[in-house]
């Protein structure tokens, strides 16, 4: 194994200048914002599933569905464990606490057709996360909490028609906040033979 030798005279002056410039926050990685948004929403889903007592699996390859969420309970009528499919999306284009009963979210028609298919053997939901534009606002931690901003909302798009040429805007109800209680209620309905 060869070890690199230090530069004569130490670290080049350009690197020293870059390190000593004041920063407004921590040095964040260069991963694309959209990739970071995907990671954040997966963390949100994991937290919700853990609090709801659900297990998660990721299909490989995903074929247009991100996660399978399973919930076991002896009270389920159709089986002792029921599963739903979850498609995650995130955006910073919609502000937090959207006004009104719903907000618009645009999907490619091909993806909408997959999510809107009805009837199905395994129900699907779309979960949309609204995030701040700036990464440093995404989360804050303290001794008694971890806050993820802003919020995830869910909807069942079964039967939703395609209305656009290539993309269709669907409405996401603001009353359907995706948290552990909502997930438990979804699974209870599916476990009794109903829809999410």
N, C-alpha and C. Protein backbone atom coordinates (compact mmCIF):
# COMPACT_ATOMS: atom_id res chain seq x y z
N UNK A 1 0.85 -1.17 0.00
CA UNK A 1 0.00 0.00 0.00
C UNK A 1 0.90 1.23 0.00
N UNK A 2 0.63 2.15 -0.90
CA UNK A 2 1.41 3.39 -0.98
C UNK A 2 0.69 4.49 -0.22
N UNK A 3 1.43 5.25 0.54
CA UNK A 3 0.85 6.38 1.26
C UNK A 3 1.24 7.67 0.57
N UNK A 4 0.28 8.57 0.45
CA UNK A 4 0.57 9.86 -0.18
C UNK A 4 1.45 10.68 0.73
N UNK A 5 2.40 11.34 0.15
CA UNK A 5 3.29 12.21 0.91
C UNK A 5 2.68 13.60 0.98
N UNK A 6 2.87 14.31 2.09
CA UNK A 6 2.32 15.67 2.18
C UNK A 6 3.00 16.60 1.20
N UNK A 7 2.25 17.60 0.78
CA UNK A 7 2.79 18.62 -0.11
C UNK A 7 3.93 19.35 0.59
N UNK A 8 4.99 19.68 -0.15
CA UNK A 8 6.04 20.49 0.47
C UNK A 8 5.44 21.83 0.90
N UNK A 9 5.69 22.22 2.11
CA UNK A 9 5.17 23.50 2.59
C UNK A 9 3.77 23.40 3.17
N UNK A 10 3.17 22.20 3.22
CA UNK A 10 1.86 22.03 3.84
C UNK A 10 0.71 22.16 2.86
N UNK A 11 -0.46 22.55 3.36
CA UNK A 11 -1.68 22.65 2.57
C UNK A 11 -1.60 23.85 1.64
N UNK A 12 -1.99 23.69 0.35
CA UNK A 12 -1.96 24.83 -0.57
C UNK A 12 -2.78 26.00 -0.05
N UNK A 13 -2.32 27.22 -0.35
CA UNK A 13 -2.96 28.44 0.15
C UNK A 13 -4.41 28.55 -0.27
N UNK A 14 -4.76 28.07 -1.48
CA UNK A 14 -6.15 28.13 -1.96
C UNK A 14 -7.07 27.34 -1.03
N UNK A 15 -6.64 26.13 -0.62
CA UNK A 15 -7.46 25.32 0.28
C UNK A 15 -7.60 25.99 1.64
N UNK A 16 -6.55 26.62 2.12
CA UNK A 16 -6.63 27.32 3.41
C UNK A 16 -7.62 28.47 3.32
N UNK A 17 -7.59 29.21 2.21
CA UNK A 17 -8.52 30.33 2.04
C UNK A 17 -9.96 29.84 2.02
N UNK A 18 -10.21 28.69 1.35
CA UNK A 18 -11.57 28.17 1.29
C UNK A 18 -12.04 27.73 2.66
N UNK A 19 -11.17 27.20 3.48
CA UNK A 19 -11.56 26.71 4.81
C UNK A 19 -11.80 27.84 5.80
N UNK A 20 -11.15 28.95 5.62
CA UNK A 20 -11.26 30.01 6.61
C UNK A 20 -12.38 31.00 6.33
N UNK A 21 -13.02 30.89 5.17
CA UNK A 21 -14.14 31.79 4.89
C UNK A 21 -15.28 31.47 5.85
N UNK A 22 -15.96 32.48 6.36
CA UNK A 22 -17.04 32.22 7.31
C UNK A 22 -18.20 31.49 6.64
N UNK A 23 -18.82 30.57 7.37
CA UNK A 23 -19.99 29.82 6.89
C UNK A 23 -21.21 30.28 7.67
N UNK A 24 -22.36 30.23 7.01
CA UNK A 24 -23.59 30.57 7.70
C UNK A 24 -24.18 29.34 8.39
N UNK A 25 -23.65 28.16 8.12
CA UNK A 25 -24.15 26.94 8.72
C UNK A 25 -23.15 25.82 8.51
N UNK A 26 -23.55 24.60 8.80
CA UNK A 26 -22.64 23.47 8.64
C UNK A 26 -22.35 23.20 7.16
N UNK A 27 -21.23 22.56 6.92
CA UNK A 27 -20.86 22.17 5.56
C UNK A 27 -21.73 21.01 5.14
N UNK A 28 -22.66 21.25 4.24
CA UNK A 28 -23.57 20.20 3.76
C UNK A 28 -22.98 19.56 2.51
N UNK A 29 -23.35 18.31 2.29
CA UNK A 29 -22.88 17.58 1.12
C UNK A 29 -23.46 18.12 -0.17
N UNK A 30 -22.94 17.65 -1.27
CA UNK A 30 -23.33 18.15 -2.59
C UNK A 30 -24.41 17.31 -3.26
N UNK A 31 -25.01 16.37 -2.54
CA UNK A 31 -26.08 15.56 -3.10
C UNK A 31 -27.22 16.47 -3.57
N UNK A 32 -27.78 16.16 -4.72
CA UNK A 32 -28.86 16.98 -5.30
C UNK A 32 -30.02 17.13 -4.32
N UNK A 33 -30.64 18.30 -4.33
CA UNK A 33 -31.75 18.58 -3.42
C UNK A 33 -32.88 17.57 -3.58
N UNK A 34 -33.20 17.18 -4.81
CA UNK A 34 -34.28 16.21 -5.01
C UNK A 34 -33.95 14.86 -4.39
N UNK A 35 -32.69 14.45 -4.46
CA UNK A 35 -32.27 13.20 -3.82
C UNK A 35 -32.38 13.32 -2.30
N UNK A 36 -32.01 14.46 -1.77
CA UNK A 36 -32.14 14.69 -0.32
C UNK A 36 -33.60 14.70 0.10
N UNK A 37 -34.48 15.26 -0.73
CA UNK A 37 -35.91 15.26 -0.43
C UNK A 37 -36.44 13.83 -0.36
N UNK A 38 -35.99 12.97 -1.28
CA UNK A 38 -36.40 11.57 -1.26
C UNK A 38 -35.97 10.91 0.04
N UNK A 39 -34.75 11.17 0.46
CA UNK A 39 -34.24 10.58 1.70
C UNK A 39 -35.03 11.07 2.91
N UNK A 40 -35.36 12.36 2.93
CA UNK A 40 -36.13 12.93 4.04
C UNK A 40 -37.51 12.28 4.16
N UNK A 41 -38.19 12.13 3.03
CA UNK A 41 -39.53 11.56 3.09
C UNK A 41 -39.49 10.08 3.47
N UNK A 42 -38.42 9.37 3.12
CA UNK A 42 -38.27 7.98 3.56
C UNK A 42 -38.11 7.94 5.07
N UNK A 43 -37.34 8.88 5.62
CA UNK A 43 -37.19 8.97 7.07
C UNK A 43 -38.53 9.23 7.75
N UNK A 44 -39.33 10.11 7.17
CA UNK A 44 -40.67 10.42 7.70
C UNK A 44 -41.52 9.14 7.69
N UNK A 45 -41.51 8.42 6.56
CA UNK A 45 -42.30 7.19 6.46
C UNK A 45 -41.84 6.17 7.50
N UNK A 46 -40.54 6.01 7.68
CA UNK A 46 -40.03 5.07 8.66
C UNK A 46 -40.51 5.43 10.07
N UNK A 47 -40.48 6.72 10.41
CA UNK A 47 -40.92 7.16 11.74
C UNK A 47 -42.40 6.87 11.95
N UNK A 48 -43.22 7.16 10.95
CA UNK A 48 -44.66 6.91 11.04
C UNK A 48 -44.93 5.42 11.17
N UNK A 49 -44.27 4.62 10.34
CA UNK A 49 -44.48 3.16 10.38
C UNK A 49 -44.06 2.59 11.73
N UNK A 50 -42.95 3.06 12.28
CA UNK A 50 -42.49 2.57 13.58
C UNK A 50 -43.51 2.88 14.66
N UNK A 51 -44.02 4.11 14.69
CA UNK A 51 -44.99 4.51 15.71
C UNK A 51 -46.32 3.77 15.55
N UNK A 52 -46.65 3.37 14.31
CA UNK A 52 -47.90 2.65 14.05
C UNK A 52 -47.76 1.15 14.23
N UNK A 53 -46.54 0.65 14.46
CA UNK A 53 -46.32 -0.79 14.61
C UNK A 53 -46.38 -1.53 13.30
N UNK A 54 -45.96 -0.88 12.23
CA UNK A 54 -45.99 -1.48 10.90
C UNK A 54 -44.59 -1.89 10.45
N UNK A 55 -44.53 -2.84 9.55
CA UNK A 55 -43.27 -3.21 8.93
C UNK A 55 -43.22 -2.62 7.52
N UNK A 56 -42.01 -2.40 7.05
CA UNK A 56 -41.80 -1.83 5.72
C UNK A 56 -40.97 -2.77 4.87
N UNK A 57 -41.27 -2.80 3.60
CA UNK A 57 -40.41 -3.49 2.64
C UNK A 57 -40.37 -2.65 1.38
N UNK A 58 -39.25 -2.74 0.69
CA UNK A 58 -39.06 -1.95 -0.52
C UNK A 58 -38.97 -2.91 -1.69
N UNK A 59 -39.91 -2.82 -2.63
CA UNK A 59 -39.85 -3.73 -3.77
C UNK A 59 -38.62 -3.45 -4.62
N UNK A 60 -38.05 -4.50 -5.15
CA UNK A 60 -36.88 -4.35 -6.02
C UNK A 60 -37.05 -5.20 -7.26
N UNK A 61 -37.06 -4.60 -8.45
CA UNK A 61 -37.09 -3.15 -8.69
C UNK A 61 -38.45 -2.58 -8.30
N UNK A 62 -38.52 -1.25 -8.12
CA UNK A 62 -39.73 -0.67 -7.55
C UNK A 62 -40.92 -0.61 -8.50
N UNK A 63 -40.72 -0.58 -9.80
CA UNK A 63 -41.82 -0.62 -10.78
C UNK A 63 -42.90 0.43 -10.49
N UNK A 64 -42.49 1.59 -9.99
CA UNK A 64 -43.44 2.69 -9.81
C UNK A 64 -44.08 2.77 -8.44
N UNK A 65 -43.76 1.86 -7.54
CA UNK A 65 -44.26 1.91 -6.17
C UNK A 65 -43.05 1.86 -5.25
N UNK A 66 -42.97 2.80 -4.30
CA UNK A 66 -41.78 2.92 -3.47
C UNK A 66 -41.71 1.92 -2.32
N UNK A 67 -42.83 1.74 -1.60
CA UNK A 67 -42.80 0.95 -0.37
C UNK A 67 -44.06 0.10 -0.22
N UNK A 68 -43.90 -1.02 0.48
CA UNK A 68 -45.03 -1.82 0.95
C UNK A 68 -45.04 -1.69 2.46
N UNK A 69 -46.20 -1.35 3.01
CA UNK A 69 -46.36 -1.20 4.45
C UNK A 69 -47.33 -2.27 4.93
N UNK A 70 -46.91 -3.04 5.92
CA UNK A 70 -47.75 -4.13 6.44
C UNK A 70 -48.08 -3.91 7.90
N UNK A 71 -49.28 -4.32 8.28
CA UNK A 71 -49.81 -4.10 9.63
C UNK A 71 -50.47 -5.40 10.09
N UNK A 72 -49.95 -5.98 11.15
CA UNK A 72 -50.52 -7.20 11.67
C UNK A 72 -51.35 -6.93 12.91
N UNK A 73 -52.53 -7.52 12.96
CA UNK A 73 -53.41 -7.41 14.13
C UNK A 73 -54.44 -8.53 14.07
N UNK A 74 -54.68 -9.21 15.20
CA UNK A 74 -55.67 -10.29 15.19
C UNK A 74 -57.09 -9.79 14.90
N UNK A 75 -57.33 -8.49 15.05
CA UNK A 75 -58.66 -7.94 14.78
C UNK A 75 -58.96 -7.80 13.28
N UNK A 76 -57.95 -7.89 12.43
CA UNK A 76 -58.21 -7.80 10.99
C UNK A 76 -59.10 -8.97 10.55
N UNK A 77 -60.04 -8.68 9.67
CA UNK A 77 -60.99 -9.68 9.21
C UNK A 77 -60.46 -10.43 7.99
N UNK A 78 -59.84 -9.72 7.05
CA UNK A 78 -59.44 -10.34 5.78
C UNK A 78 -58.18 -11.18 5.91
N UNK A 79 -57.33 -10.90 6.86
CA UNK A 79 -56.10 -11.65 7.10
C UNK A 79 -55.52 -11.14 8.42
N UNK A 80 -54.57 -11.85 8.97
CA UNK A 80 -53.97 -11.36 10.22
C UNK A 80 -52.96 -10.26 9.96
N UNK A 81 -52.54 -10.12 8.69
CA UNK A 81 -51.64 -9.03 8.31
C UNK A 81 -52.11 -8.47 6.97
N UNK A 82 -52.26 -7.16 6.91
CA UNK A 82 -52.67 -6.52 5.65
C UNK A 82 -51.56 -5.58 5.19
N UNK A 83 -51.54 -5.34 3.88
CA UNK A 83 -50.48 -4.55 3.26
C UNK A 83 -51.09 -3.51 2.34
N UNK A 84 -50.46 -2.33 2.31
CA UNK A 84 -50.78 -1.33 1.31
C UNK A 84 -49.49 -0.95 0.59
N UNK A 85 -49.63 -0.41 -0.59
CA UNK A 85 -48.49 0.11 -1.36
C UNK A 85 -48.47 1.62 -1.21
N UNK A 86 -47.27 2.18 -1.04
CA UNK A 86 -47.13 3.62 -0.82
C UNK A 86 -46.19 4.21 -1.86
N UNK A 87 -46.67 5.24 -2.52
CA UNK A 87 -45.82 6.03 -3.43
C UNK A 87 -45.52 7.35 -2.75
N UNK A 88 -44.24 7.67 -2.61
CA UNK A 88 -43.82 8.91 -1.96
C UNK A 88 -43.48 9.98 -2.99
N UNK A 89 -43.87 11.20 -2.70
CA UNK A 89 -43.50 12.37 -3.50
C UNK A 89 -43.20 13.51 -2.55
N UNK A 90 -42.39 14.45 -2.98
CA UNK A 90 -42.08 15.62 -2.16
C UNK A 90 -41.98 16.85 -3.04
N UNK A 91 -42.32 18.00 -2.46
CA UNK A 91 -42.23 19.26 -3.20
C UNK A 91 -41.97 20.41 -2.23
N UNK A 92 -41.26 21.42 -2.72
CA UNK A 92 -41.12 22.65 -1.95
C UNK A 92 -41.90 23.78 -2.63
N UNK A 93 -42.65 23.45 -3.70
CA UNK A 93 -43.39 24.47 -4.43
C UNK A 93 -44.71 24.85 -3.78
N UNK A 94 -45.21 24.00 -2.90
CA UNK A 94 -46.43 24.31 -2.16
C UNK A 94 -46.03 24.75 -0.75
N UNK A 95 -46.50 25.91 -0.31
CA UNK A 95 -46.10 26.39 1.03
C UNK A 95 -46.71 25.55 2.13
N UNK A 96 -46.16 25.63 3.35
CA UNK A 96 -46.72 24.87 4.47
C UNK A 96 -48.13 25.35 4.81
N UNK A 97 -48.87 24.46 5.45
CA UNK A 97 -50.25 24.75 5.84
C UNK A 97 -51.06 25.31 4.67
N UNK A 98 -51.18 24.52 3.59
CA UNK A 98 -51.91 25.03 2.42
C UNK A 98 -53.32 25.46 2.79
N UNK A 99 -53.73 26.59 2.24
CA UNK A 99 -55.07 27.11 2.50
C UNK A 99 -56.10 26.26 1.76
N UNK A 100 -57.26 26.14 2.33
CA UNK A 100 -58.35 25.43 1.67
C UNK A 100 -58.35 23.95 1.99
N UNK A 101 -59.31 23.25 1.43
CA UNK A 101 -59.48 21.83 1.75
C UNK A 101 -58.49 20.90 1.03
N UNK A 102 -57.76 21.43 0.02
CA UNK A 102 -56.83 20.58 -0.73
C UNK A 102 -55.82 21.46 -1.45
N UNK A 103 -54.75 20.82 -1.92
CA UNK A 103 -53.78 21.50 -2.78
C UNK A 103 -53.51 20.62 -3.99
N UNK A 104 -53.05 21.24 -5.07
CA UNK A 104 -52.80 20.51 -6.30
C UNK A 104 -51.40 19.91 -6.34
N UNK A 105 -51.30 18.71 -6.91
CA UNK A 105 -50.01 18.07 -7.13
C UNK A 105 -50.07 17.38 -8.49
N UNK A 106 -49.04 17.60 -9.31
CA UNK A 106 -49.06 17.10 -10.68
C UNK A 106 -48.26 15.81 -10.81
N UNK A 107 -48.88 14.83 -11.46
CA UNK A 107 -48.26 13.53 -11.71
C UNK A 107 -48.19 13.26 -13.20
N UNK A 108 -47.18 12.53 -13.63
CA UNK A 108 -47.15 12.03 -15.01
C UNK A 108 -48.34 11.10 -15.18
N UNK A 109 -48.99 11.15 -16.33
CA UNK A 109 -50.18 10.34 -16.56
C UNK A 109 -49.91 8.84 -16.38
N UNK A 110 -48.75 8.39 -16.84
CA UNK A 110 -48.41 6.97 -16.72
C UNK A 110 -48.38 6.55 -15.24
N UNK A 111 -47.86 7.41 -14.41
CA UNK A 111 -47.81 7.10 -12.98
C UNK A 111 -49.20 7.17 -12.36
N UNK A 112 -49.98 8.15 -12.77
CA UNK A 112 -51.35 8.27 -12.25
C UNK A 112 -52.17 7.03 -12.58
N UNK A 113 -52.05 6.53 -13.80
CA UNK A 113 -52.80 5.34 -14.20
C UNK A 113 -52.49 4.17 -13.26
N UNK A 114 -51.22 4.02 -12.90
CA UNK A 114 -50.82 2.95 -11.99
C UNK A 114 -51.45 3.14 -10.60
N UNK A 115 -51.44 4.39 -10.11
CA UNK A 115 -51.98 4.66 -8.77
C UNK A 115 -53.51 4.65 -8.74
N UNK A 116 -54.14 4.92 -9.89
CA UNK A 116 -55.60 5.04 -9.94
C UNK A 116 -56.31 3.75 -10.29
N UNK A 117 -55.58 2.72 -10.63
CA UNK A 117 -56.21 1.46 -11.04
C UNK A 117 -57.17 0.96 -9.97
N UNK A 118 -58.32 0.48 -10.44
CA UNK A 118 -59.34 -0.04 -9.53
C UNK A 118 -60.19 -1.05 -10.28
N UNK A 119 -60.56 -2.16 -9.69
CA UNK A 119 -60.20 -2.63 -8.36
C UNK A 119 -58.78 -3.18 -8.33
N UNK A 120 -58.25 -3.37 -7.11
CA UNK A 120 -56.90 -3.88 -6.92
C UNK A 120 -56.90 -4.93 -5.82
N UNK A 121 -55.88 -5.79 -5.82
CA UNK A 121 -55.71 -6.76 -4.74
C UNK A 121 -55.06 -6.10 -3.54
N UNK A 122 -54.13 -5.18 -3.80
CA UNK A 122 -53.43 -4.46 -2.73
C UNK A 122 -53.64 -2.97 -2.98
N UNK A 123 -54.23 -2.27 -2.04
CA UNK A 123 -54.54 -0.85 -2.19
C UNK A 123 -53.27 -0.01 -2.20
N UNK A 124 -53.36 1.13 -2.90
CA UNK A 124 -52.23 2.06 -3.00
C UNK A 124 -52.64 3.42 -2.47
N UNK A 125 -51.66 4.11 -1.86
CA UNK A 125 -51.87 5.50 -1.49
C UNK A 125 -50.70 6.33 -1.98
N UNK A 126 -50.97 7.58 -2.22
CA UNK A 126 -49.94 8.56 -2.56
C UNK A 126 -49.70 9.41 -1.32
N UNK A 127 -48.43 9.56 -0.93
CA UNK A 127 -48.06 10.39 0.20
C UNK A 127 -47.17 11.52 -0.33
N UNK A 128 -47.63 12.75 -0.14
CA UNK A 128 -46.90 13.92 -0.64
C UNK A 128 -46.36 14.71 0.55
N UNK A 129 -45.06 14.95 0.55
CA UNK A 129 -44.43 15.72 1.62
C UNK A 129 -44.15 17.13 1.14
N UNK A 130 -44.57 18.11 1.93
CA UNK A 130 -44.24 19.50 1.67
C UNK A 130 -43.01 19.83 2.52
N UNK A 131 -41.96 20.29 1.87
CA UNK A 131 -40.70 20.60 2.58
C UNK A 131 -40.32 22.06 2.34
N UNK A 132 -39.57 22.66 3.27
CA UNK A 132 -39.04 24.00 3.02
C UNK A 132 -38.05 23.96 1.86
N UNK A 133 -37.90 25.06 1.16
CA UNK A 133 -36.97 25.12 0.04
C UNK A 133 -35.53 24.93 0.49
N UNK A 134 -35.17 25.49 1.64
CA UNK A 134 -33.80 25.43 2.15
C UNK A 134 -33.60 24.21 3.05
N UNK A 135 -32.57 23.41 2.78
CA UNK A 135 -32.33 22.19 3.55
C UNK A 135 -32.11 22.44 5.03
N UNK A 136 -31.48 23.57 5.38
CA UNK A 136 -31.21 23.82 6.80
C UNK A 136 -32.49 24.02 7.61
N UNK A 137 -33.63 24.15 6.94
CA UNK A 137 -34.91 24.29 7.63
C UNK A 137 -35.69 22.98 7.73
N UNK A 138 -35.15 21.90 7.21
CA UNK A 138 -35.88 20.64 7.15
C UNK A 138 -36.11 19.99 8.51
N UNK A 139 -35.15 20.10 9.41
CA UNK A 139 -35.35 19.46 10.69
C UNK A 139 -34.64 20.23 11.79
N UNK A 140 -35.11 20.02 13.01
CA UNK A 140 -34.44 20.54 14.19
C UNK A 140 -34.58 19.50 15.29
N UNK A 141 -33.55 19.41 16.11
CA UNK A 141 -33.54 18.40 17.16
C UNK A 141 -33.26 19.05 18.50
N UNK A 142 -33.81 18.47 19.52
CA UNK A 142 -33.57 18.89 20.89
C UNK A 142 -33.51 17.66 21.77
N UNK A 143 -33.34 17.85 23.05
CA UNK A 143 -33.25 16.72 23.97
C UNK A 143 -34.55 15.93 24.04
N UNK A 144 -35.67 16.56 23.71
CA UNK A 144 -36.95 15.88 23.84
C UNK A 144 -37.74 15.77 22.53
N UNK A 145 -37.10 16.04 21.40
CA UNK A 145 -37.86 16.00 20.15
C UNK A 145 -36.95 15.97 18.93
N UNK A 146 -37.55 15.54 17.81
CA UNK A 146 -36.95 15.69 16.49
C UNK A 146 -38.08 16.16 15.60
N UNK A 147 -38.00 17.39 15.12
CA UNK A 147 -39.05 17.97 14.27
C UNK A 147 -38.63 17.88 12.82
N UNK A 148 -39.48 17.23 11.99
CA UNK A 148 -39.29 17.21 10.55
C UNK A 148 -40.29 18.19 9.95
N UNK A 149 -39.84 19.03 9.04
CA UNK A 149 -40.73 20.01 8.44
C UNK A 149 -40.89 19.71 6.96
N UNK A 150 -42.09 19.95 6.40
CA UNK A 150 -43.25 20.50 7.09
C UNK A 150 -44.23 19.38 7.42
N UNK A 151 -44.75 18.70 6.41
CA UNK A 151 -45.82 17.74 6.68
C UNK A 151 -46.01 16.83 5.48
N UNK A 152 -46.51 15.61 5.75
CA UNK A 152 -46.93 14.69 4.68
C UNK A 152 -48.45 14.58 4.70
N UNK A 153 -49.02 14.51 3.52
CA UNK A 153 -50.46 14.32 3.34
C UNK A 153 -50.65 13.09 2.46
N UNK A 154 -51.78 12.41 2.62
CA UNK A 154 -52.00 11.20 1.85
C UNK A 154 -53.34 11.25 1.14
N UNK A 155 -53.44 10.46 0.08
CA UNK A 155 -54.71 10.29 -0.61
C UNK A 155 -54.73 8.95 -1.33
N UNK A 156 -55.94 8.46 -1.55
CA UNK A 156 -56.16 7.26 -2.34
C UNK A 156 -56.67 7.73 -3.70
N UNK A 157 -55.91 7.47 -4.75
CA UNK A 157 -56.27 7.96 -6.09
C UNK A 157 -57.08 6.95 -6.90
N UNK A 158 -57.56 5.88 -6.30
CA UNK A 158 -58.32 4.86 -7.03
C UNK A 158 -59.47 5.51 -7.80
N UNK A 159 -59.53 5.24 -9.09
CA UNK A 159 -60.58 5.77 -9.94
C UNK A 159 -60.35 7.17 -10.46
N UNK A 160 -59.24 7.82 -10.09
CA UNK A 160 -58.93 9.19 -10.53
C UNK A 160 -58.72 9.21 -12.05
N UNK A 161 -59.44 10.03 -12.79
CA UNK A 161 -59.26 10.07 -14.25
C UNK A 161 -58.03 10.89 -14.65
N UNK A 162 -57.48 10.52 -15.80
CA UNK A 162 -56.42 11.30 -16.41
C UNK A 162 -57.09 12.45 -17.17
N UNK A 163 -56.64 13.68 -16.94
CA UNK A 163 -57.26 14.82 -17.59
C UNK A 163 -56.29 15.63 -18.46
N UNK A 164 -55.01 15.49 -18.25
CA UNK A 164 -54.03 16.25 -19.03
C UNK A 164 -53.46 15.42 -20.17
N UNK A 165 -52.75 16.09 -21.07
CA UNK A 165 -52.15 15.37 -22.21
C UNK A 165 -51.01 14.47 -21.75
N UNK A 166 -50.11 14.98 -20.93
CA UNK A 166 -48.98 14.20 -20.43
C UNK A 166 -48.96 14.10 -18.91
N UNK A 167 -49.51 15.12 -18.27
CA UNK A 167 -49.52 15.19 -16.81
C UNK A 167 -50.90 15.61 -16.33
N UNK A 168 -51.25 15.18 -15.13
CA UNK A 168 -52.55 15.50 -14.55
C UNK A 168 -52.35 16.03 -13.14
N UNK A 169 -53.05 17.10 -12.81
CA UNK A 169 -53.00 17.63 -11.45
C UNK A 169 -54.10 16.98 -10.63
N UNK A 170 -53.69 16.37 -9.52
CA UNK A 170 -54.65 15.74 -8.60
C UNK A 170 -54.75 16.62 -7.35
N UNK A 171 -55.81 16.45 -6.59
CA UNK A 171 -56.02 17.23 -5.38
C UNK A 171 -55.66 16.37 -4.16
N UNK A 172 -54.87 16.94 -3.27
CA UNK A 172 -54.45 16.25 -2.05
C UNK A 172 -55.18 16.92 -0.88
N UNK A 173 -56.04 16.20 -0.16
CA UNK A 173 -56.80 16.81 0.95
C UNK A 173 -55.89 17.22 2.10
N UNK A 174 -56.03 18.44 2.57
CA UNK A 174 -55.21 18.93 3.68
C UNK A 174 -55.64 18.32 5.03
N UNK A 175 -56.82 17.75 5.10
CA UNK A 175 -57.27 17.10 6.34
C UNK A 175 -56.61 15.74 6.52
N UNK A 176 -56.01 15.20 5.47
CA UNK A 176 -55.41 13.86 5.55
C UNK A 176 -53.91 13.95 5.84
N UNK A 177 -53.59 14.37 7.05
CA UNK A 177 -52.18 14.40 7.47
C UNK A 177 -51.73 12.96 7.69
N UNK A 178 -50.57 12.62 7.13
CA UNK A 178 -50.05 11.26 7.24
C UNK A 178 -49.19 11.15 8.49
N UNK A 179 -49.77 10.53 9.53
CA UNK A 179 -49.04 10.28 10.76
C UNK A 179 -49.38 8.86 11.22
N UNK A 180 -48.91 8.47 12.40
CA UNK A 180 -49.12 7.10 12.86
C UNK A 180 -50.60 6.78 13.07
N UNK A 181 -51.36 7.73 13.57
CA UNK A 181 -52.79 7.48 13.78
C UNK A 181 -53.51 7.29 12.43
N UNK A 182 -53.16 8.13 11.47
CA UNK A 182 -53.77 8.00 10.14
C UNK A 182 -53.42 6.64 9.53
N UNK A 183 -52.17 6.21 9.68
CA UNK A 183 -51.77 4.92 9.12
C UNK A 183 -52.50 3.78 9.81
N UNK A 184 -52.64 3.84 11.11
CA UNK A 184 -53.41 2.80 11.83
C UNK A 184 -54.86 2.76 11.35
N UNK A 185 -55.46 3.93 11.14
CA UNK A 185 -56.85 3.98 10.66
C UNK A 185 -56.96 3.42 9.25
N UNK A 186 -55.99 3.75 8.39
CA UNK A 186 -55.96 3.19 7.02
C UNK A 186 -55.92 1.68 7.09
N UNK A 187 -55.01 1.15 7.91
CA UNK A 187 -54.84 -0.30 8.00
C UNK A 187 -56.06 -0.98 8.62
N UNK A 188 -56.73 -0.32 9.55
CA UNK A 188 -57.95 -0.88 10.14
C UNK A 188 -59.03 -1.01 9.07
N UNK A 189 -59.17 0.04 8.24
CA UNK A 189 -60.17 -0.04 7.16
C UNK A 189 -59.84 -1.14 6.16
N UNK A 190 -58.57 -1.21 5.76
CA UNK A 190 -58.16 -2.26 4.81
C UNK A 190 -58.32 -3.64 5.45
N UNK A 191 -57.99 -3.75 6.73
CA UNK A 191 -58.11 -5.03 7.42
C UNK A 191 -59.53 -5.52 7.57
N UNK A 192 -60.48 -4.60 7.46
CA UNK A 192 -61.90 -5.01 7.54
C UNK A 192 -62.50 -5.20 6.14
N UNK A 193 -61.65 -5.15 5.12
CA UNK A 193 -62.12 -5.37 3.74
C UNK A 193 -62.47 -4.10 3.01
N UNK A 194 -62.21 -2.95 3.60
CA UNK A 194 -62.53 -1.68 2.96
C UNK A 194 -61.35 -1.08 2.20
N UNK A 195 -61.46 0.19 1.90
CA UNK A 195 -60.41 0.91 1.17
C UNK A 195 -59.69 1.84 2.14
N UNK A 196 -58.50 2.28 1.76
CA UNK A 196 -57.76 3.17 2.65
C UNK A 196 -58.58 4.38 3.06
